[in-house]
Amino acid sequence: MTDETAQLKEFTVSEISFEIKRFVETTFNRVRVKGEIFGGKVADSGHYYLSLKDDNATLSAVCWKGTMNRLPFKPEDGMEVIVSGKITTFAGKSSYQIIIESMEIAGTGALLKLLEERKQKFMAEGLFDQRHKKSVPFLPEKIGVITSASGAVIRDIIHRVRDRFPSHILLWPTPVQGEGSAEKIAAAIEGFNALPKSHKPDVLIVARGGGSLEDLWAFNEEIVIRAVFASQIPIISAVGHETDTMLIDYVSDLRAPTPTGAAEFAVPVKNELALQISNLENRLKNASHRFFMEKKNYLEALSRGIPNLSQILFEANQKLDDRIERLKVSFKNYLNQKQNLILQTKLSPYYISNIFEKKKENLSNLVIRLENVSIDSVLNRGFAWVKTKNNKTIYNAEAAQKNQFLEIKFIDGEVKTKVVSKKDEAQGDLFNF
């Protein structure tokens, strides 16, 4: 050991750690640090542990639960922030860290970058697709409003609805800025959807007045966007001024430029509706009058083309009378003809005799023709009638071979015979009858 080394003050580990801690906390009692969040994690205790980094170094950080609940936005990895707090050491690990007392987004550019990234993410999932949009009812009976209970927004909406078409308004009061506001807005949307059908609004208005991008950031949070997308009730978004566009505006079913505009989208003007109904009623009356007048004129024109019914009946009766008279004359003439014919018959015996002679001659001719084709006439000409025992006529040798006994009828009598086959004929058998 050298003399120089022997002269150094000796510290215990705890003592040196305390001296370093005192020096760091004294020197860096209050600092502002800009960096990008990474590795952020909320512990079960509610404390938020993270690291801040730039291109060359990293700095451990912790944000206690109470401070975390007061932040105006929800910190996420990749977000560039400016934190204020004090540097301290952690003797257990021989490390140093910053205790965060406040946090803000590092400029509008960083927020816009994060906003665009979220927008692209939700677009890729189809959350902004037009096919998912629901129609806003024309005349809702109940209107649900999600906004702060205090402030000009709810008063403006109520006033505008009453001016246009008084409707029942249900307010679900929620904070619209600061830590936890996004979760409460999403819970309000889900709460309205969970109401019984008899109490459920026909349309929802999610509204907030103007402010900075940081003030309106709750309406860009994922939990709000997904709650709006899942809502079965149509939603009108009215956040900020007309030039402000939040992610809720893309996913909602209808976007209004202002809260007052949302009320105008929700209900029509009662007086204008009454005027429209009155105009339509007058148009209907006029159209009905014109329609019936046209039909009346048409029927009158048709009636002028129809002939006089009495004249038509008179002419028909005249034709009927004429037909009856002609029928009487015709029938009388017919009877006269028949009477004359009968009279001629009575006065002309020779006429009747001629008729009978002609009929007798025809009958004689028929008898002669019948006798010429009779069986006896055929047998008399030298023919014979070959038949079976059952009087079935045999017409050829083949049919005769199929019967054992045959009867042959001649003009002067009948002969019964037995059929001889070729085999019997060869044996020389004789058959006598």
Protein backbone atom coordinates (compact mmCIF):
# COMPACT_ATOMS: atom_id res chain seq x y z
CA MET A 1 0.00 0.00 0.00
CA THR A 2 1.45 3.35 -0.97
CA ASP A 3 1.35 6.42 1.22
CA GLU A 4 -1.08 8.10 -1.19
CA THR A 5 -3.46 5.17 -0.93
CA ALA A 6 -3.13 5.09 2.87
CA GLN A 7 -4.20 8.74 3.07
CA LEU A 8 -7.60 8.09 1.23
CA LYS A 9 -10.72 8.30 3.39
CA GLU A 10 -12.34 4.97 3.94
CA PHE A 11 -16.13 4.57 3.33
CA THR A 12 -18.49 1.73 3.91
CA VAL A 13 -20.72 0.67 1.01
CA SER A 14 -23.69 2.35 2.61
CA GLU A 15 -21.73 5.50 3.24
CA ILE A 16 -20.55 5.84 -0.34
CA SER A 17 -24.04 5.09 -1.64
CA PHE A 18 -25.47 7.78 0.62
CA GLU A 19 -22.88 10.34 -0.50
CA ILE A 20 -23.59 9.62 -4.15
CA LYS A 21 -27.32 9.85 -3.51
CA ARG A 22 -26.93 13.15 -1.67
CA PHE A 23 -24.77 14.56 -4.46
CA VAL A 24 -27.10 13.45 -7.25
CA GLU A 25 -30.27 14.61 -5.56
CA THR A 26 -28.70 17.93 -4.62
CA THR A 27 -27.22 18.56 -8.04
CA PHE A 28 -30.25 17.31 -10.02
CA ASN A 29 -33.00 18.24 -7.59
CA ARG A 30 -35.36 19.42 -10.36
CA VAL A 31 -34.80 18.55 -14.04
CA ARG A 32 -36.69 18.25 -17.32
CA VAL A 33 -35.74 15.32 -19.52
CA LYS A 34 -36.83 14.62 -23.09
CA GLY A 35 -36.82 11.08 -24.37
CA GLU A 36 -38.76 8.21 -25.93
CA ILE A 37 -40.66 5.80 -23.67
CA PHE A 38 -39.79 2.12 -23.93
CA GLY A 39 -40.26 -0.89 -21.71
CA GLY A 40 -43.13 0.79 -19.85
CA LYS A 41 -45.08 -1.41 -17.41
CA VAL A 42 -47.73 -0.75 -14.77
CA ALA A 43 -47.07 -2.82 -11.63
CA ASP A 44 -49.80 -4.37 -9.52
CA SER A 45 -49.31 -1.48 -7.11
CA GLY A 46 -50.33 0.97 -9.85
CA HIS A 47 -46.84 2.48 -10.18
CA TYR A 48 -45.54 2.91 -13.74
CA TYR A 49 -41.97 1.78 -14.42
CA LEU A 50 -40.33 2.78 -17.70
CA SER A 51 -37.15 3.91 -19.41
CA LEU A 52 -36.42 7.02 -21.44
CA LYS A 53 -33.97 6.81 -24.31
CA ASP A 54 -32.37 8.87 -27.02
CA ASP A 55 -29.80 7.92 -29.63
CA ASN A 56 -26.94 7.46 -27.13
CA ALA A 57 -28.23 6.63 -23.64
CA THR A 58 -31.10 5.37 -21.50
CA LEU A 59 -32.50 6.59 -18.20
CA SER A 60 -34.65 4.51 -15.84
CA ALA A 61 -37.76 6.22 -14.56
CA VAL A 62 -40.71 5.63 -12.28
CA CYS A 63 -44.05 7.39 -12.08
CA TRP A 64 -45.91 6.81 -8.81
CA LYS A 65 -49.58 5.81 -8.91
CA GLY A 66 -50.86 9.17 -7.70
CA THR A 67 -48.93 11.05 -10.36
CA MET A 68 -49.93 8.50 -12.98
CA ASN A 69 -53.62 9.11 -12.30
CA ARG A 70 -53.15 12.85 -12.86
CA LEU A 71 -51.52 12.56 -16.28
CA PRO A 72 -53.62 14.05 -19.12
CA PHE A 73 -52.94 11.06 -21.38
CA LYS A 74 -51.99 7.41 -21.18
CA PRO A 75 -48.24 6.95 -21.83
CA GLU A 76 -47.24 4.27 -24.32
CA ASP A 77 -44.02 2.82 -25.68
CA GLY A 78 -42.67 4.81 -28.59
CA MET A 79 -44.19 8.06 -27.37
CA GLU A 80 -41.75 10.97 -27.17
CA VAL A 81 -42.33 12.88 -23.94
CA ILE A 82 -40.85 15.55 -21.70
CA VAL A 83 -40.85 14.62 -18.02
CA SER A 84 -40.16 16.78 -15.00
CA GLY A 85 -38.88 15.38 -11.73
CA LYS A 86 -35.79 14.68 -9.69
CA ILE A 87 -32.89 12.29 -10.15
CA THR A 88 -32.33 9.82 -7.38
CA THR A 89 -30.35 6.66 -6.81
CA PHE A 90 -31.37 3.15 -5.92
CA ALA A 91 -28.71 1.71 -3.60
CA GLY A 92 -29.98 -1.84 -3.93
CA LYS A 93 -28.87 -1.95 -7.55
CA SER A 94 -26.30 0.84 -7.63
CA SER A 95 -28.43 2.59 -10.25
CA TYR A 96 -30.00 5.97 -10.71
CA GLN A 97 -33.41 6.96 -12.00
CA ILE A 98 -35.74 9.90 -12.36
CA ILE A 99 -38.86 10.19 -10.25
CA ILE A 100 -41.44 11.65 -12.64
CA GLU A 101 -43.65 14.39 -11.23
CA SER A 102 -45.21 15.51 -14.53
CA MET A 103 -45.24 14.36 -18.15
CA GLU A 104 -46.22 15.98 -21.43
CA ILE A 105 -46.07 15.03 -25.06
CA ALA A 106 -42.89 16.32 -26.69
CA GLY A 107 -44.54 18.63 -29.18
CA THR A 108 -47.56 18.36 -31.47
CA GLY A 109 -45.50 16.55 -34.11
CA ALA A 110 -45.04 13.52 -31.87
CA LEU A 111 -48.76 13.40 -31.10
CA LEU A 112 -49.65 13.67 -34.77
CA LYS A 113 -47.24 10.87 -35.58
CA LEU A 114 -48.84 8.65 -32.95
CA LEU A 115 -52.30 9.64 -34.16
CA GLU A 116 -51.43 8.65 -37.73
CA GLU A 117 -50.03 5.30 -36.59
CA ARG A 118 -53.22 4.51 -34.72
CA LYS A 119 -55.32 5.65 -37.64
CA GLN A 120 -53.53 3.28 -40.02
CA LYS A 121 -53.88 0.44 -37.52
CA PHE A 122 -57.63 0.87 -37.15
CA MET A 123 -58.09 1.33 -40.90
CA ALA A 124 -56.28 -1.94 -41.53
CA GLU A 125 -58.70 -3.67 -39.16
CA GLY A 126 -61.69 -2.23 -41.04
CA LEU A 127 -63.01 -0.19 -38.11
CA PHE A 128 -63.55 2.84 -40.33
CA ASP A 129 -65.22 1.00 -43.24
CA GLN A 130 -68.43 2.56 -44.51
CA ARG A 131 -70.20 -0.81 -44.56
CA HIS A 132 -70.16 -0.82 -40.75
CA LYS A 133 -71.94 2.53 -40.46
CA LYS A 134 -75.46 2.53 -38.99
CA SER A 135 -78.22 4.90 -40.09
CA VAL A 136 -79.17 7.68 -37.69
CA PRO A 137 -82.96 7.61 -37.08
CA PHE A 138 -84.91 10.48 -38.62
CA LEU A 139 -86.96 11.29 -35.52
CA PRO A 140 -85.55 9.69 -32.35
CA GLU A 141 -87.71 9.52 -29.24
CA LYS A 142 -84.73 9.39 -26.86
CA ILE A 143 -81.27 10.90 -27.35
CA GLY A 144 -78.32 9.77 -25.22
CA VAL A 145 -75.54 12.31 -24.60
CA ILE A 146 -72.05 11.46 -23.33
CA THR A 147 -70.19 14.56 -22.14
CA SER A 148 -69.32 16.55 -19.05
CA ALA A 149 -72.26 17.39 -16.80
CA SER A 150 -70.95 20.94 -16.42
CA GLY A 151 -70.00 23.28 -19.20
CA ALA A 152 -71.56 24.78 -22.28
CA VAL A 153 -71.67 21.59 -24.39
CA ILE A 154 -74.63 19.89 -22.71
CA ARG A 155 -76.50 23.20 -22.43
CA ASP A 156 -76.00 23.89 -26.12
CA ILE A 157 -77.26 20.42 -27.08
CA ILE A 158 -80.34 20.65 -24.85
CA HIS A 159 -81.15 24.16 -26.08
CA ARG A 160 -80.74 23.20 -29.74
CA VAL A 161 -82.85 20.04 -29.45
CA ARG A 162 -85.66 21.93 -27.72
CA ASP A 163 -85.61 24.63 -30.39
CA ARG A 164 -85.83 22.12 -33.25
CA PHE A 165 -87.92 19.18 -32.03
CA PRO A 166 -88.26 18.62 -28.28
CA SER A 167 -87.11 15.07 -27.46
CA HIS A 168 -86.19 13.18 -24.31
CA ILE A 169 -82.46 13.59 -23.52
CA LEU A 170 -80.51 11.15 -21.34
CA LEU A 171 -77.15 12.44 -20.05
CA TRP A 172 -74.38 10.08 -19.00
CA PRO A 173 -71.92 12.50 -17.35
CA THR A 174 -68.26 11.66 -17.93
CA PRO A 175 -64.95 13.52 -17.79
CA VAL A 176 -63.79 14.35 -21.28
CA GLN A 177 -60.16 15.16 -20.47
CA GLY A 178 -57.39 13.79 -18.31
CA GLU A 179 -56.37 10.42 -16.91
CA GLY A 180 -59.17 7.83 -16.93
CA SER A 181 -61.47 9.88 -19.17
CA ALA A 182 -61.13 7.47 -22.10
CA GLU A 183 -62.12 4.49 -19.96
CA LYS A 184 -65.15 6.35 -18.60
CA ILE A 185 -66.28 7.47 -22.06
CA ALA A 186 -66.05 3.86 -23.28
CA ALA A 187 -67.94 2.67 -20.19
CA ALA A 188 -70.72 5.21 -20.88
CA ILE A 189 -71.14 3.92 -24.45
CA GLU A 190 -71.29 0.34 -23.21
CA GLY A 191 -73.68 1.37 -20.43
CA PHE A 192 -76.16 2.96 -22.83
CA ASN A 193 -76.08 -0.17 -25.01
CA ALA A 194 -76.74 -2.36 -21.96
CA LEU A 195 -79.93 -0.52 -20.97
CA PRO A 196 -83.32 -2.28 -21.39
CA LYS A 197 -85.01 -1.67 -24.71
CA SER A 198 -87.64 0.58 -23.12
CA HIS A 199 -84.93 2.91 -21.76
CA LYS A 200 -82.33 2.61 -24.50
CA PRO A 201 -81.72 5.77 -26.59
CA ASP A 202 -82.30 5.73 -30.33
CA VAL A 203 -79.07 7.65 -30.99
CA LEU A 204 -75.99 8.68 -28.98
CA ILE A 205 -74.06 11.96 -29.11
CA VAL A 206 -70.45 11.91 -27.84
CA ALA A 207 -69.44 15.53 -27.47
CA ARG A 208 -66.74 17.84 -26.16
CA GLY A 209 -65.85 21.48 -26.70
CA GLY A 210 -62.68 22.72 -28.32
CA GLY A 211 -59.16 22.35 -26.97
CA SER A 212 -55.62 21.39 -27.83
CA LEU A 213 -54.70 18.04 -29.27
CA GLU A 214 -53.59 16.94 -25.82
CA ASP A 215 -56.95 18.01 -24.35
CA LEU A 216 -58.87 15.98 -26.94
CA TRP A 217 -56.58 12.96 -26.79
CA ALA A 218 -59.08 10.75 -24.93
CA PHE A 219 -61.12 10.56 -28.15
CA ASN A 220 -58.14 8.97 -29.91
CA GLU A 221 -57.67 6.19 -27.36
CA GLU A 222 -58.16 2.61 -28.52
CA ILE A 223 -60.67 1.76 -25.80
CA VAL A 224 -62.99 4.54 -27.02
CA ILE A 225 -62.61 3.65 -30.70
CA ARG A 226 -63.48 -0.01 -30.09
CA ALA A 227 -66.44 0.89 -27.87
CA VAL A 228 -67.88 3.12 -30.62
CA PHE A 229 -67.35 0.39 -33.21
CA ALA A 230 -69.10 -2.21 -31.04
CA SER A 231 -72.09 0.03 -30.23
CA GLN A 232 -75.46 -1.19 -31.51
CA ILE A 233 -76.85 2.33 -31.09
CA PRO A 234 -75.90 4.81 -33.87
CA ILE A 235 -73.34 7.35 -32.64
CA ILE A 236 -72.83 10.99 -33.67
CA SER A 237 -69.39 12.34 -32.76
CA ALA A 238 -68.99 16.04 -32.01
CA VAL A 239 -65.53 16.62 -30.56
CA GLY A 240 -63.72 19.95 -30.66
CA HIS A 241 -64.14 22.56 -33.33
CA GLU A 242 -64.97 21.99 -36.98
CA THR A 243 -61.28 21.81 -37.93
CA ASP A 244 -60.48 19.20 -35.25
CA THR A 245 -60.61 15.60 -36.42
CA MET A 246 -60.20 12.82 -33.88
CA LEU A 247 -60.17 9.08 -34.49
CA ILE A 248 -63.67 8.84 -33.03
CA ASP A 249 -64.88 10.86 -36.02
CA TYR A 250 -63.74 8.11 -38.39
CA VAL A 251 -65.39 5.24 -36.52
CA SER A 252 -68.65 6.97 -35.55
CA ASP A 253 -71.74 6.60 -37.74
CA LEU A 254 -71.97 10.36 -38.33
CA ARG A 255 -69.55 13.19 -37.60
CA ALA A 256 -70.84 16.63 -36.61
CA PRO A 257 -68.59 19.70 -36.79
CA THR A 258 -69.71 20.93 -33.35
CA PRO A 259 -71.91 19.76 -30.46
CA THR A 260 -74.62 22.12 -31.69
CA GLY A 261 -74.30 20.56 -35.13
CA ALA A 262 -74.76 17.12 -33.55
CA ALA A 263 -78.10 18.23 -32.10
CA GLU A 264 -79.12 19.46 -35.55
CA PHE A 265 -78.18 16.10 -37.07
CA ALA A 266 -80.12 14.24 -34.37
CA VAL A 267 -83.54 15.91 -34.80
CA PRO A 268 -85.26 17.83 -37.61
CA VAL A 269 -86.98 21.20 -37.19
CA LYS A 270 -90.56 20.64 -36.05
CA ASN A 271 -91.93 23.75 -37.76
CA GLU A 272 -90.27 22.80 -41.03
CA LEU A 273 -91.79 19.32 -40.79
CA ALA A 274 -95.21 20.82 -40.12
CA LEU A 275 -94.83 23.07 -43.18
CA GLN A 276 -93.72 20.15 -45.32
CA ILE A 277 -96.68 18.07 -44.14
CA SER A 278 -99.05 20.94 -44.87
CA ASN A 279 -97.59 21.34 -48.40
CA LEU A 280 -97.83 17.62 -49.02
CA GLU A 281 -101.41 17.60 -47.75
CA ASN A 282 -102.36 20.39 -50.16
CA ARG A 283 -100.61 18.63 -53.03
CA LEU A 284 -102.45 15.42 -52.17
CA LYS A 285 -105.81 17.22 -52.10
CA ASN A 286 -105.14 18.90 -55.44
CA ALA A 287 -103.91 15.69 -57.03
CA SER A 288 -106.94 13.77 -55.73
CA HIS A 289 -109.32 16.43 -57.04
CA ARG A 290 -107.66 16.36 -60.46
CA PHE A 291 -107.73 12.56 -60.52
CA PHE A 292 -111.45 12.31 -59.75
CA MET A 293 -112.34 15.12 -62.18
CA GLU A 294 -110.43 13.32 -64.94
CA LYS A 295 -112.27 10.07 -64.15
CA LYS A 296 -115.62 11.92 -64.08
CA ASN A 297 -114.98 13.49 -67.48
CA TYR A 298 -113.90 10.13 -68.85
CA LEU A 299 -117.09 8.45 -67.63
CA GLU A 300 -119.23 11.23 -69.07
CA ALA A 301 -117.49 10.80 -72.42
CA LEU A 302 -118.15 7.06 -72.31
CA SER A 303 -121.80 7.61 -71.39
CA ARG A 304 -122.29 9.82 -74.44
CA GLY A 305 -121.16 6.94 -76.65
CA ILE A 306 -123.70 4.48 -75.21
CA PRO A 307 -127.00 4.36 -77.26
CA ASN A 308 -130.42 4.86 -75.68
CA LEU A 309 -131.32 1.71 -73.75
CA SER A 310 -135.06 2.12 -74.44
CA GLN A 311 -134.36 2.33 -78.14
CA ILE A 312 -132.19 -0.82 -77.98
CA LEU A 313 -134.98 -2.72 -76.18
CA PHE A 314 -137.63 -1.46 -78.59
CA GLU A 315 -135.65 -2.63 -81.62
CA ALA A 316 -135.00 -6.00 -79.97
CA ASN A 317 -138.72 -6.43 -79.19
CA GLN A 318 -139.59 -5.51 -82.77
CA LYS A 319 -137.18 -8.14 -84.11
CA LEU A 320 -138.66 -10.72 -81.73
CA ASP A 321 -142.21 -9.95 -82.86
CA ASP A 322 -141.11 -10.27 -86.49
CA ARG A 323 -139.49 -13.65 -85.83
CA ILE A 324 -142.62 -14.90 -84.07
CA GLU A 325 -144.85 -13.90 -86.97
CA ARG A 326 -142.54 -15.51 -89.49
CA LEU A 327 -142.43 -18.68 -87.39
CA LYS A 328 -146.23 -18.81 -87.25
CA VAL A 329 -146.46 -18.47 -91.05
CA SER A 330 -143.76 -21.09 -91.60
CA PHE A 331 -145.40 -23.59 -89.26
CA LYS A 332 -148.78 -23.02 -90.89
CA ASN A 333 -147.28 -23.60 -94.35
CA TYR A 334 -145.60 -26.78 -93.12
CA LEU A 335 -148.88 -28.16 -91.76
CA ASN A 336 -150.62 -27.30 -95.00
CA GLN A 337 -147.99 -29.21 -96.99
CA LYS A 338 -148.39 -32.28 -94.82
CA GLN A 339 -152.19 -32.09 -95.01
CA ASN A 340 -152.00 -31.90 -98.76
CA LEU A 341 -149.69 -34.89 -98.88
CA ILE A 342 -152.06 -36.92 -96.72
CA LEU A 343 -154.98 -35.85 -98.84
CA GLN A 344 -153.18 -36.90 -101.99
CA THR A 345 -152.42 -40.27 -100.42
CA LYS A 346 -156.07 -40.86 -99.56
CA LEU A 347 -157.14 -39.88 -103.01
CA SER A 348 -154.45 -42.02 -104.82
CA PRO A 349 -154.59 -45.80 -103.98
CA TYR A 350 -152.41 -46.49 -106.98
CA TYR A 351 -149.62 -44.41 -105.25
CA ILE A 352 -149.70 -46.62 -102.15
CA SER A 353 -149.75 -49.77 -104.27
CA ASN A 354 -146.61 -48.68 -106.05
CA ILE A 355 -144.81 -48.18 -102.75
CA PHE A 356 -145.72 -51.68 -101.55
CA GLU A 357 -144.70 -53.26 -104.84
CA LYS A 358 -141.26 -51.62 -104.67
CA LYS A 359 -140.72 -52.77 -101.09
CA LYS A 360 -141.83 -56.33 -101.98
CA GLU A 361 -139.43 -56.46 -104.90
CA ASN A 362 -136.52 -55.34 -102.68
CA LEU A 363 -137.38 -58.00 -100.12
CA SER A 364 -137.43 -60.73 -102.79
CA ASN A 365 -133.97 -59.72 -103.98
CA LEU A 366 -132.61 -59.89 -100.46
CA VAL A 367 -134.08 -63.41 -99.96
CA ILE A 368 -132.46 -64.67 -103.17
CA ARG A 369 -129.08 -63.24 -102.15
CA LEU A 370 -129.37 -64.81 -98.70
CA GLU A 371 -130.25 -68.23 -100.15
CA ASN A 372 -127.24 -68.11 -102.49
CA VAL A 373 -124.83 -67.80 -99.57
CA SER A 374 -126.55 -70.32 -97.27
CA ILE A 375 -124.83 -73.61 -96.20
CA ASP A 376 -127.33 -75.81 -98.04
CA SER A 377 -126.78 -73.88 -101.26
CA VAL A 378 -122.99 -74.37 -100.93
CA LEU A 379 -123.37 -78.12 -100.10
CA ASN A 380 -125.73 -78.51 -103.04
CA ARG A 381 -122.96 -77.39 -105.36
CA GLY A 382 -120.80 -80.39 -104.31
CA PHE A 383 -118.96 -78.98 -101.33
CA ALA A 384 -118.69 -80.64 -97.90
CA TRP A 385 -118.52 -79.12 -94.41
CA VAL A 386 -115.71 -80.56 -92.25
CA LYS A 387 -116.06 -79.91 -88.56
CA THR A 388 -115.09 -81.25 -85.14
CA LYS A 389 -117.40 -82.93 -82.69
CA ASN A 390 -117.98 -79.48 -81.22
CA ASN A 391 -119.14 -78.09 -84.55
CA LYS A 392 -115.92 -76.12 -85.03
CA THR A 393 -115.19 -75.71 -88.73
CA ILE A 394 -111.91 -77.16 -90.08
CA TYR A 395 -110.37 -75.06 -92.82
CA ASN A 396 -107.11 -76.88 -93.65
CA ALA A 397 -105.22 -80.22 -93.32
CA GLU A 398 -103.00 -78.95 -90.56
CA ALA A 399 -106.03 -78.25 -88.35
CA ALA A 400 -107.51 -81.67 -89.28
CA GLN A 401 -104.31 -83.50 -88.15
CA LYS A 402 -104.75 -81.98 -84.69
CA ASN A 403 -108.14 -83.75 -84.15
CA GLN A 404 -108.73 -87.49 -83.79
CA PHE A 405 -112.34 -87.54 -84.98
CA LEU A 406 -114.08 -85.37 -87.57
CA GLU A 407 -117.58 -84.99 -88.93
CA ILE A 408 -118.20 -84.39 -92.65
CA LYS A 409 -121.54 -83.01 -93.70
CA PHE A 410 -122.85 -83.46 -97.27
CA ILE A 411 -126.08 -82.25 -98.76
CA ASP A 412 -127.75 -85.58 -98.13
CA GLY A 413 -126.26 -86.46 -94.68
CA GLU A 414 -123.27 -86.61 -92.31
CA VAL A 415 -120.27 -88.97 -92.08
CA LYS A 416 -118.09 -89.44 -88.98
CA THR A 417 -114.45 -90.46 -89.56
CA LYS A 418 -111.19 -90.99 -87.69
CA VAL A 419 -108.08 -89.09 -88.75
CA VAL A 420 -105.24 -91.35 -89.96
CA SER A 421 -101.74 -90.14 -89.41
CA LYS A 422 -98.88 -90.92 -91.80
CA LYS A 423 -97.48 -93.42 -89.30
CA ASP A 424 -100.77 -95.32 -89.03
CA GLU A 425 -101.13 -95.31 -92.81
CA ALA A 426 -97.69 -96.93 -93.19
CA GLN A 427 -98.67 -99.76 -90.82
CA GLY A 428 -101.75 -100.49 -92.94
CA ASP A 429 -104.28 -100.34 -90.15
CA LEU A 430 -107.88 -100.26 -91.16
CA PHE A 431 -110.58 -98.34 -89.40
CA ASN A 432 -114.23 -99.13 -89.78
CA PHE A 433 -117.14 -97.10 -88.70
